[in-house]
Amino acid sequence: MVELLIALAILAVLVSLAVPGMRTLLVSRQVTGARNDLLADLQTARTLAISRTQRVGVVASGGHWQDGWQIQPDGTPSAASYSAASATPLHAHEALGAGFTAAMDRGGAIDRVVFARDGSVYDTASNARASDDTTFGVCKPAGASAQAMVLVVHASGQMESYRDRRVSGASC
């Protein structure tokens, strides 16, 4: 009987040590999953822009990336500027999980990334090819250990991602 109590006490200690690590693992997988979804949609939009020879954008739902995003072709392919207003979404991604934050930046917050016909990033503000990289961050929910995934879309259209433990939910 004493052996059973000792075994249960050891088991309880081991379980109490494993639970925080499991939460960190789950949060890490969710952040990585959101980053992978965005990366896949950005790559799809770039491929569509090249194959259709028209601009294709990935646009934040309601202006906020954590609310999801859509892949939209340019509704006016012959116009000088990108116009998603007349475009029918090709694909929509649901909102990220509760507590997660996401933001995209190219010298200021942006709500869309548009790929030109050659696969490079198109700057809708200047109606020209982008000259700066676009950085996207997906951050952890509040209370979890520091975890963030960063996705960089270079002006050429090439992409890279990495984990950045320095990014916090407030700066994401």
N, C-alpha and C. Protein backbone atom coordinates (compact mmCIF):
# COMPACT_ATOMS: atom_id res chain seq x y z
N MET A 1 0.82 -1.20 0.00
CA MET A 1 0.00 0.00 0.00
C MET A 1 0.86 1.27 0.00
N VAL A 2 1.93 1.27 0.77
CA VAL A 2 2.83 2.41 0.83
C VAL A 2 3.50 2.62 -0.52
N GLU A 3 3.86 1.50 -1.18
CA GLU A 3 4.50 1.60 -2.49
C GLU A 3 3.56 2.27 -3.51
N LEU A 4 2.29 1.95 -3.41
CA LEU A 4 1.30 2.54 -4.32
C LEU A 4 1.20 4.05 -4.09
N LEU A 5 1.19 4.49 -2.84
CA LEU A 5 1.12 5.92 -2.54
C LEU A 5 2.36 6.65 -3.03
N ILE A 6 3.52 6.02 -2.88
CA ILE A 6 4.76 6.63 -3.36
C ILE A 6 4.73 6.74 -4.89
N ALA A 7 4.27 5.68 -5.54
CA ALA A 7 4.18 5.70 -7.00
C ALA A 7 3.21 6.78 -7.48
N LEU A 8 2.08 6.92 -6.79
CA LEU A 8 1.11 7.96 -7.15
C LEU A 8 1.68 9.36 -6.92
N ALA A 9 2.43 9.55 -5.86
CA ALA A 9 3.06 10.84 -5.58
C ALA A 9 4.07 11.19 -6.67
N ILE A 10 4.86 10.22 -7.08
CA ILE A 10 5.84 10.45 -8.15
C ILE A 10 5.12 10.77 -9.46
N LEU A 11 4.06 10.04 -9.74
CA LEU A 11 3.28 10.29 -10.95
C LEU A 11 2.68 11.70 -10.94
N ALA A 12 2.17 12.13 -9.78
CA ALA A 12 1.59 13.47 -9.67
C ALA A 12 2.64 14.55 -9.92
N VAL A 13 3.84 14.36 -9.42
CA VAL A 13 4.92 15.32 -9.65
C VAL A 13 5.27 15.38 -11.13
N LEU A 14 5.38 14.22 -11.76
CA LEU A 14 5.72 14.18 -13.19
C LEU A 14 4.64 14.84 -14.04
N VAL A 15 3.39 14.60 -13.73
CA VAL A 15 2.29 15.22 -14.48
C VAL A 15 2.30 16.73 -14.29
N SER A 16 2.55 17.20 -13.07
CA SER A 16 2.57 18.65 -12.83
C SER A 16 3.72 19.32 -13.57
N LEU A 17 4.80 18.60 -13.82
CA LEU A 17 5.91 19.14 -14.60
C LEU A 17 5.61 19.13 -16.10
N ALA A 18 4.83 18.17 -16.55
CA ALA A 18 4.57 18.02 -17.99
C ALA A 18 3.49 18.98 -18.51
N VAL A 19 2.53 19.36 -17.69
CA VAL A 19 1.41 20.17 -18.15
C VAL A 19 1.84 21.53 -18.72
N PRO A 20 2.70 22.31 -18.05
CA PRO A 20 3.11 23.59 -18.66
C PRO A 20 3.84 23.41 -19.99
N GLY A 21 4.66 22.39 -20.08
CA GLY A 21 5.36 22.11 -21.33
C GLY A 21 4.40 21.75 -22.44
N MET A 22 3.34 21.06 -22.11
CA MET A 22 2.34 20.67 -23.10
C MET A 22 1.60 21.90 -23.62
N ARG A 23 1.29 22.85 -22.73
CA ARG A 23 0.62 24.08 -23.16
C ARG A 23 1.52 24.85 -24.13
N THR A 24 2.79 24.95 -23.80
CA THR A 24 3.74 25.64 -24.68
C THR A 24 3.80 24.97 -26.04
N LEU A 25 3.81 23.65 -26.05
CA LEU A 25 3.84 22.90 -27.31
C LEU A 25 2.58 23.16 -28.13
N LEU A 26 1.42 23.16 -27.49
CA LEU A 26 0.17 23.40 -28.21
C LEU A 26 0.12 24.81 -28.79
N VAL A 27 0.53 25.81 -28.01
CA VAL A 27 0.55 27.19 -28.51
C VAL A 27 1.51 27.32 -29.68
N SER A 28 2.68 26.69 -29.54
CA SER A 28 3.67 26.73 -30.61
C SER A 28 3.12 26.14 -31.90
N ARG A 29 2.41 25.03 -31.78
CA ARG A 29 1.83 24.39 -32.97
C ARG A 29 0.74 25.26 -33.59
N GLN A 30 -0.05 25.94 -32.77
CA GLN A 30 -1.10 26.82 -33.30
C GLN A 30 -0.49 28.01 -34.04
N VAL A 31 0.55 28.61 -33.46
CA VAL A 31 1.21 29.75 -34.10
C VAL A 31 1.84 29.30 -35.41
N THR A 32 2.53 28.17 -35.38
CA THR A 32 3.16 27.64 -36.59
C THR A 32 2.11 27.30 -37.65
N GLY A 33 0.98 26.75 -37.22
CA GLY A 33 -0.10 26.42 -38.16
C GLY A 33 -0.65 27.66 -38.84
N ALA A 34 -0.86 28.73 -38.07
CA ALA A 34 -1.36 29.98 -38.66
C ALA A 34 -0.36 30.54 -39.66
N ARG A 35 0.92 30.50 -39.30
CA ARG A 35 1.97 30.98 -40.21
C ARG A 35 2.00 30.14 -41.49
N ASN A 36 1.88 28.82 -41.34
CA ASN A 36 1.89 27.94 -42.51
C ASN A 36 0.69 28.20 -43.42
N ASP A 37 -0.48 28.46 -42.82
CA ASP A 37 -1.67 28.77 -43.62
C ASP A 37 -1.47 30.05 -44.42
N LEU A 38 -0.94 31.07 -43.76
CA LEU A 38 -0.71 32.34 -44.46
C LEU A 38 0.35 32.17 -45.55
N LEU A 39 1.41 31.45 -45.25
CA LEU A 39 2.47 31.21 -46.23
C LEU A 39 1.90 30.50 -47.46
N ALA A 40 1.08 29.48 -47.23
CA ALA A 40 0.48 28.75 -48.35
C ALA A 40 -0.41 29.66 -49.19
N ASP A 41 -1.20 30.52 -48.54
CA ASP A 41 -2.09 31.41 -49.28
C ASP A 41 -1.30 32.49 -50.03
N LEU A 42 -0.23 32.99 -49.44
CA LEU A 42 0.62 33.95 -50.14
C LEU A 42 1.28 33.31 -51.36
N GLN A 43 1.75 32.08 -51.20
CA GLN A 43 2.37 31.38 -52.33
C GLN A 43 1.34 31.09 -53.42
N THR A 44 0.12 30.74 -53.01
CA THR A 44 -0.95 30.51 -53.98
C THR A 44 -1.26 31.79 -54.75
N ALA A 45 -1.37 32.91 -54.04
CA ALA A 45 -1.67 34.19 -54.69
C ALA A 45 -0.57 34.56 -55.68
N ARG A 46 0.67 34.35 -55.29
CA ARG A 46 1.80 34.67 -56.18
C ARG A 46 1.75 33.80 -57.44
N THR A 47 1.49 32.51 -57.25
CA THR A 47 1.40 31.59 -58.38
C THR A 47 0.25 31.99 -59.31
N LEU A 48 -0.89 32.36 -58.72
CA LEU A 48 -2.04 32.79 -59.53
C LEU A 48 -1.73 34.07 -60.31
N ALA A 49 -1.03 35.00 -59.67
CA ALA A 49 -0.67 36.25 -60.36
C ALA A 49 0.19 35.96 -61.58
N ILE A 50 1.13 35.04 -61.44
CA ILE A 50 2.01 34.70 -62.56
C ILE A 50 1.24 33.94 -63.63
N SER A 51 0.45 32.94 -63.23
CA SER A 51 -0.24 32.11 -64.22
C SER A 51 -1.38 32.86 -64.92
N ARG A 52 -2.04 33.78 -64.23
CA ARG A 52 -3.14 34.54 -64.83
C ARG A 52 -2.66 35.84 -65.49
N THR A 53 -1.42 36.16 -65.28
CA THR A 53 -0.83 37.44 -65.72
C THR A 53 -1.71 38.63 -65.32
N GLN A 54 -2.13 38.61 -64.06
CA GLN A 54 -2.86 39.73 -63.48
C GLN A 54 -2.54 39.80 -61.99
N ARG A 55 -2.71 40.97 -61.42
CA ARG A 55 -2.42 41.12 -60.00
C ARG A 55 -3.41 40.31 -59.17
N VAL A 56 -2.88 39.69 -58.11
CA VAL A 56 -3.70 38.92 -57.18
C VAL A 56 -3.26 39.33 -55.78
N GLY A 57 -4.24 39.58 -54.91
CA GLY A 57 -3.92 40.04 -53.56
C GLY A 57 -4.39 39.08 -52.49
N VAL A 58 -3.72 39.14 -51.35
CA VAL A 58 -4.17 38.49 -50.13
C VAL A 58 -4.57 39.64 -49.22
N VAL A 59 -5.86 39.68 -48.86
CA VAL A 59 -6.43 40.84 -48.19
C VAL A 59 -6.96 40.44 -46.81
N ALA A 60 -6.62 41.22 -45.79
CA ALA A 60 -7.09 40.95 -44.43
C ALA A 60 -8.60 41.15 -44.35
N SER A 61 -9.29 40.24 -43.69
CA SER A 61 -10.74 40.36 -43.51
C SER A 61 -11.03 41.49 -42.54
N GLY A 62 -11.82 42.45 -42.97
CA GLY A 62 -12.17 43.58 -42.12
C GLY A 62 -10.98 44.44 -41.74
N GLY A 63 -9.89 44.32 -42.47
CA GLY A 63 -8.70 45.12 -42.18
C GLY A 63 -7.81 44.57 -41.08
N HIS A 64 -8.19 43.43 -40.50
CA HIS A 64 -7.42 42.85 -39.39
C HIS A 64 -7.03 41.41 -39.74
N TRP A 65 -5.74 41.13 -39.75
CA TRP A 65 -5.25 39.81 -40.16
C TRP A 65 -5.73 38.69 -39.24
N GLN A 66 -5.89 38.96 -37.93
CA GLN A 66 -6.34 37.90 -37.03
C GLN A 66 -7.79 37.51 -37.28
N ASP A 67 -8.53 38.34 -38.05
CA ASP A 67 -9.91 38.01 -38.41
C ASP A 67 -9.99 37.14 -39.66
N GLY A 68 -8.83 36.78 -40.21
CA GLY A 68 -8.79 35.95 -41.41
C GLY A 68 -8.36 36.77 -42.61
N TRP A 69 -8.33 36.12 -43.78
CA TRP A 69 -7.91 36.80 -45.00
C TRP A 69 -8.50 36.10 -46.21
N GLN A 70 -8.45 36.76 -47.36
CA GLN A 70 -8.98 36.23 -48.61
C GLN A 70 -7.96 36.40 -49.72
N ILE A 71 -7.98 35.46 -50.65
CA ILE A 71 -7.20 35.62 -51.88
C ILE A 71 -8.15 36.20 -52.91
N GLN A 72 -7.79 37.36 -53.48
CA GLN A 72 -8.66 38.04 -54.44
C GLN A 72 -7.88 38.43 -55.68
N PRO A 73 -8.44 38.11 -56.86
CA PRO A 73 -7.81 38.62 -58.08
C PRO A 73 -8.13 40.10 -58.23
N ASP A 74 -7.31 40.81 -58.96
CA ASP A 74 -7.58 42.22 -59.24
C ASP A 74 -8.83 42.29 -60.09
N GLY A 75 -9.83 43.03 -59.62
CA GLY A 75 -11.07 43.15 -60.36
C GLY A 75 -10.95 43.96 -61.63
N THR A 76 -9.86 44.71 -61.76
CA THR A 76 -9.65 45.55 -62.94
C THR A 76 -8.23 45.32 -63.46
N PRO A 77 -7.98 44.18 -64.12
CA PRO A 77 -6.61 43.84 -64.51
C PRO A 77 -5.96 44.82 -65.47
N SER A 78 -6.73 45.58 -66.23
CA SER A 78 -6.11 46.52 -67.17
C SER A 78 -5.88 47.90 -66.55
N ALA A 79 -6.41 48.13 -65.36
CA ALA A 79 -6.25 49.44 -64.71
C ALA A 79 -4.86 49.58 -64.11
N ALA A 80 -4.47 50.82 -63.87
CA ALA A 80 -3.15 51.08 -63.30
C ALA A 80 -3.09 50.72 -61.82
N SER A 81 -4.23 50.78 -61.13
CA SER A 81 -4.23 50.51 -59.69
C SER A 81 -4.95 49.21 -59.38
N TYR A 82 -4.63 48.63 -58.23
CA TYR A 82 -5.28 47.39 -57.79
C TYR A 82 -6.63 47.73 -57.20
N SER A 83 -7.65 46.98 -57.56
CA SER A 83 -8.99 47.20 -57.03
C SER A 83 -9.60 45.86 -56.66
N ALA A 84 -9.66 45.58 -55.37
CA ALA A 84 -10.26 44.32 -54.92
C ALA A 84 -11.78 44.46 -54.78
N ALA A 85 -12.30 45.67 -54.88
CA ALA A 85 -13.72 45.90 -54.65
C ALA A 85 -14.60 45.09 -55.59
N SER A 86 -14.19 44.94 -56.83
CA SER A 86 -15.02 44.22 -57.79
C SER A 86 -14.58 42.77 -57.95
N ALA A 87 -13.68 42.31 -57.10
CA ALA A 87 -13.15 40.95 -57.22
C ALA A 87 -13.94 39.97 -56.37
N THR A 88 -14.11 38.77 -56.88
CA THR A 88 -14.72 37.68 -56.13
C THR A 88 -13.60 36.88 -55.47
N PRO A 89 -13.67 36.67 -54.15
CA PRO A 89 -12.60 35.93 -53.48
C PRO A 89 -12.43 34.53 -54.06
N LEU A 90 -11.18 34.12 -54.25
CA LEU A 90 -10.88 32.78 -54.73
C LEU A 90 -10.79 31.80 -53.57
N HIS A 91 -10.44 32.32 -52.41
CA HIS A 91 -10.27 31.49 -51.22
C HIS A 91 -10.38 32.39 -50.00
N ALA A 92 -10.96 31.88 -48.93
CA ALA A 92 -11.04 32.64 -47.68
C ALA A 92 -10.51 31.79 -46.54
N HIS A 93 -9.77 32.41 -45.65
CA HIS A 93 -9.23 31.74 -44.46
C HIS A 93 -9.97 32.27 -43.25
N GLU A 94 -10.35 31.38 -42.35
CA GLU A 94 -11.09 31.78 -41.16
C GLU A 94 -10.20 32.55 -40.19
N ALA A 95 -10.83 33.12 -39.17
CA ALA A 95 -10.11 33.89 -38.16
C ALA A 95 -9.16 32.99 -37.38
N LEU A 96 -8.09 33.59 -36.85
CA LEU A 96 -7.16 32.86 -36.00
C LEU A 96 -7.83 32.58 -34.66
N GLY A 97 -7.25 31.71 -33.87
CA GLY A 97 -7.81 31.35 -32.57
C GLY A 97 -7.91 32.54 -31.62
N ALA A 98 -8.75 32.41 -30.62
CA ALA A 98 -8.95 33.47 -29.64
C ALA A 98 -7.63 33.82 -28.96
N GLY A 99 -7.37 35.11 -28.83
CA GLY A 99 -6.18 35.57 -28.14
C GLY A 99 -4.96 35.72 -29.02
N PHE A 100 -4.99 35.21 -30.23
CA PHE A 100 -3.84 35.35 -31.13
C PHE A 100 -3.90 36.69 -31.84
N THR A 101 -2.75 37.26 -32.08
CA THR A 101 -2.68 38.52 -32.81
C THR A 101 -1.82 38.33 -34.05
N ALA A 102 -2.10 39.13 -35.04
CA ALA A 102 -1.34 39.07 -36.28
C ALA A 102 -1.28 40.47 -36.87
N ALA A 103 -0.16 40.79 -37.48
CA ALA A 103 0.00 42.11 -38.09
C ALA A 103 0.96 42.02 -39.25
N MET A 104 0.77 42.89 -40.23
CA MET A 104 1.67 42.96 -41.37
C MET A 104 2.17 44.39 -41.48
N ASP A 105 3.43 44.53 -41.86
CA ASP A 105 4.04 45.86 -41.88
C ASP A 105 4.96 46.00 -43.09
N ARG A 106 4.88 47.14 -43.74
CA ARG A 106 5.83 47.53 -44.79
C ARG A 106 6.07 49.03 -44.61
N GLY A 107 6.71 49.39 -43.50
CA GLY A 107 6.90 50.80 -43.18
C GLY A 107 5.63 51.42 -42.63
N GLY A 108 4.70 50.63 -42.23
CA GLY A 108 3.40 51.03 -41.70
C GLY A 108 2.46 49.85 -41.84
N ALA A 109 1.44 49.79 -41.01
CA ALA A 109 0.51 48.66 -41.05
C ALA A 109 -0.20 48.60 -42.40
N ILE A 110 -0.34 47.41 -42.93
CA ILE A 110 -1.04 47.24 -44.21
C ILE A 110 -2.06 46.11 -44.08
N ASP A 111 -3.09 46.17 -44.90
CA ASP A 111 -4.14 45.16 -44.84
C ASP A 111 -4.19 44.28 -46.08
N ARG A 112 -3.15 44.36 -46.93
CA ARG A 112 -3.13 43.51 -48.12
C ARG A 112 -1.71 43.38 -48.65
N VAL A 113 -1.48 42.25 -49.30
CA VAL A 113 -0.24 42.05 -50.06
C VAL A 113 -0.69 41.68 -51.46
N VAL A 114 -0.23 42.42 -52.43
CA VAL A 114 -0.64 42.21 -53.82
C VAL A 114 0.58 41.79 -54.62
N PHE A 115 0.41 40.72 -55.40
CA PHE A 115 1.48 40.25 -56.27
C PHE A 115 1.21 40.71 -57.70
N ALA A 116 2.24 41.23 -58.34
CA ALA A 116 2.15 41.68 -59.73
C ALA A 116 2.23 40.48 -60.66
N ARG A 117 2.06 40.72 -61.94
CA ARG A 117 2.05 39.66 -62.96
C ARG A 117 3.34 38.86 -63.01
N ASP A 118 4.45 39.46 -62.58
CA ASP A 118 5.73 38.76 -62.59
C ASP A 118 6.04 38.10 -61.24
N GLY A 119 5.12 38.16 -60.29
CA GLY A 119 5.30 37.53 -58.99
C GLY A 119 5.93 38.42 -57.94
N SER A 120 6.32 39.63 -58.31
CA SER A 120 6.88 40.55 -57.33
C SER A 120 5.74 41.20 -56.54
N VAL A 121 6.08 41.84 -55.43
CA VAL A 121 5.07 42.49 -54.61
C VAL A 121 4.75 43.85 -55.21
N TYR A 122 3.46 44.15 -55.30
CA TYR A 122 2.95 45.38 -55.89
C TYR A 122 2.48 46.28 -54.75
N ASP A 123 2.93 47.51 -54.70
CA ASP A 123 2.54 48.47 -53.67
C ASP A 123 1.31 49.23 -54.14
N THR A 124 0.17 48.97 -53.51
CA THR A 124 -1.08 49.60 -53.94
C THR A 124 -1.11 51.09 -53.61
N ALA A 125 -0.34 51.54 -52.64
CA ALA A 125 -0.32 52.96 -52.29
C ALA A 125 0.35 53.79 -53.38
N SER A 126 1.42 53.27 -53.95
CA SER A 126 2.15 54.03 -54.97
C SER A 126 1.85 53.55 -56.39
N ASN A 127 1.02 52.51 -56.52
CA ASN A 127 0.71 51.91 -57.82
C ASN A 127 1.98 51.56 -58.60
N ALA A 128 2.90 50.93 -57.91
CA ALA A 128 4.17 50.51 -58.52
C ALA A 128 4.69 49.29 -57.78
N ARG A 129 5.74 48.69 -58.30
CA ARG A 129 6.36 47.56 -57.62
C ARG A 129 6.85 48.01 -56.24
N ALA A 130 6.68 47.18 -55.25
CA ALA A 130 7.14 47.52 -53.90
C ALA A 130 8.66 47.52 -53.87
N SER A 131 9.22 48.41 -53.09
CA SER A 131 10.67 48.46 -52.95
C SER A 131 11.12 47.94 -51.59
N ASP A 132 10.19 47.75 -50.67
CA ASP A 132 10.51 47.28 -49.32
C ASP A 132 9.93 45.89 -49.08
N ASP A 133 10.55 45.16 -48.16
CA ASP A 133 10.03 43.86 -47.75
C ASP A 133 8.78 44.06 -46.90
N THR A 134 7.91 43.06 -46.90
CA THR A 134 6.72 43.06 -46.08
C THR A 134 6.92 42.03 -44.99
N THR A 135 6.72 42.41 -43.74
CA THR A 135 6.92 41.51 -42.61
C THR A 135 5.59 41.22 -41.95
N PHE A 136 5.32 39.95 -41.72
CA PHE A 136 4.08 39.51 -41.10
C PHE A 136 4.45 38.77 -39.82
N GLY A 137 3.78 39.09 -38.71
CA GLY A 137 4.02 38.40 -37.44
C GLY A 137 2.75 37.76 -36.93
N VAL A 138 2.85 36.52 -36.48
CA VAL A 138 1.76 35.83 -35.79
C VAL A 138 2.25 35.61 -34.37
N CYS A 139 1.50 36.13 -33.40
CA CYS A 139 1.95 36.08 -32.01
C CYS A 139 1.04 35.24 -31.15
N LYS A 140 1.58 34.84 -30.04
CA LYS A 140 0.95 33.98 -29.05
C LYS A 140 -0.22 34.67 -28.36
N PRO A 141 -1.10 33.88 -27.76
CA PRO A 141 -2.13 34.51 -26.92
C PRO A 141 -1.49 34.99 -25.62
N ALA A 142 -2.13 35.93 -24.97
CA ALA A 142 -1.61 36.48 -23.72
C ALA A 142 -1.45 35.37 -22.69
N GLY A 143 -0.37 35.45 -21.94
CA GLY A 143 -0.15 34.49 -20.87
C GLY A 143 0.71 33.30 -21.25
N ALA A 144 0.94 33.08 -22.52
CA ALA A 144 1.79 31.96 -22.94
C ALA A 144 3.23 32.43 -23.00
N SER A 145 4.15 31.49 -23.01
CA SER A 145 5.56 31.88 -23.10
C SER A 145 5.81 32.55 -24.45
N ALA A 146 6.85 33.36 -24.51
CA ALA A 146 7.14 34.16 -25.71
C ALA A 146 7.29 33.29 -26.94
N GLN A 147 6.39 33.45 -27.88
CA GLN A 147 6.45 32.71 -29.14
C GLN A 147 5.87 33.58 -30.23
N ALA A 148 6.55 33.66 -31.32
CA ALA A 148 6.05 34.39 -32.48
C ALA A 148 6.68 33.79 -33.72
N MET A 149 5.93 33.77 -34.79
CA MET A 149 6.45 33.35 -36.08
C MET A 149 6.46 34.59 -36.96
N VAL A 150 7.55 34.79 -37.65
CA VAL A 150 7.70 35.93 -38.54
C VAL A 150 7.80 35.42 -39.96
N LEU A 151 7.06 36.03 -40.85
CA LEU A 151 7.07 35.68 -42.27
C LEU A 151 7.45 36.95 -43.03
N VAL A 152 8.48 36.86 -43.85
CA VAL A 152 8.94 38.01 -44.63
C VAL A 152 8.67 37.73 -46.10
N VAL A 153 7.96 38.66 -46.74
CA VAL A 153 7.74 38.60 -48.18
C VAL A 153 8.64 39.68 -48.78
N HIS A 154 9.67 39.24 -49.48
CA HIS A 154 10.60 40.19 -50.09
C HIS A 154 9.93 40.87 -51.28
N ALA A 155 10.42 42.03 -51.65
CA ALA A 155 9.85 42.78 -52.77
C ALA A 155 9.83 41.95 -54.05
N SER A 156 10.77 41.02 -54.17
CA SER A 156 10.82 40.15 -55.35
C SER A 156 9.70 39.12 -55.36
N GLY A 157 9.04 38.92 -54.21
CA GLY A 157 7.98 37.92 -54.08
C GLY A 157 8.43 36.67 -53.37
N GLN A 158 9.73 36.50 -53.18
CA GLN A 158 10.23 35.34 -52.44
C GLN A 158 9.89 35.51 -50.97
N MET A 159 9.74 34.37 -50.28
CA MET A 159 9.31 34.40 -48.89
C MET A 159 10.23 33.58 -48.00
N GLU A 160 10.31 33.99 -46.75
CA GLU A 160 11.06 33.24 -45.74
C GLU A 160 10.35 33.42 -44.41
N SER A 161 10.55 32.46 -43.50
CA SER A 161 9.95 32.61 -42.18
C SER A 161 10.90 32.07 -41.12
N TYR A 162 10.68 32.55 -39.91
CA TYR A 162 11.50 32.12 -38.79
C TYR A 162 10.76 32.39 -37.49
N ARG A 163 11.23 31.74 -36.42
CA ARG A 163 10.66 31.96 -35.09
C ARG A 163 11.42 33.11 -34.46
N ASP A 164 10.69 34.01 -33.82
CA ASP A 164 11.31 35.17 -33.17
C ASP A 164 10.77 35.28 -31.75
N ARG A 165 11.57 34.96 -30.79
CA ARG A 165 11.14 35.01 -29.39
C ARG A 165 11.17 36.43 -28.83
N ARG A 166 11.69 37.40 -29.59
CA ARG A 166 11.74 38.78 -29.12
C ARG A 166 10.44 39.52 -29.37
N VAL A 167 9.59 39.01 -30.25
CA VAL A 167 8.33 39.68 -30.59
C VAL A 167 7.31 39.36 -29.52
N SER A 168 6.60 40.34 -29.03
CA SER A 168 5.56 40.11 -28.03
C SER A 168 4.20 40.39 -28.66
N GLY A 169 3.15 39.97 -27.99
CA GLY A 169 1.80 40.17 -28.50
C GLY A 169 1.47 41.63 -28.72
N ALA A 170 2.04 42.52 -27.90
CA ALA A 170 1.74 43.95 -28.04
C ALA A 170 2.36 44.53 -29.30
N SER A 171 3.51 44.00 -29.73
CA SER A 171 4.17 44.57 -30.90
C SER A 171 3.87 43.79 -32.16
N CYS A 172 3.04 42.81 -32.06
CA CYS A 172 2.74 41.98 -33.22
C CYS A 172 1.68 42.64 -34.08
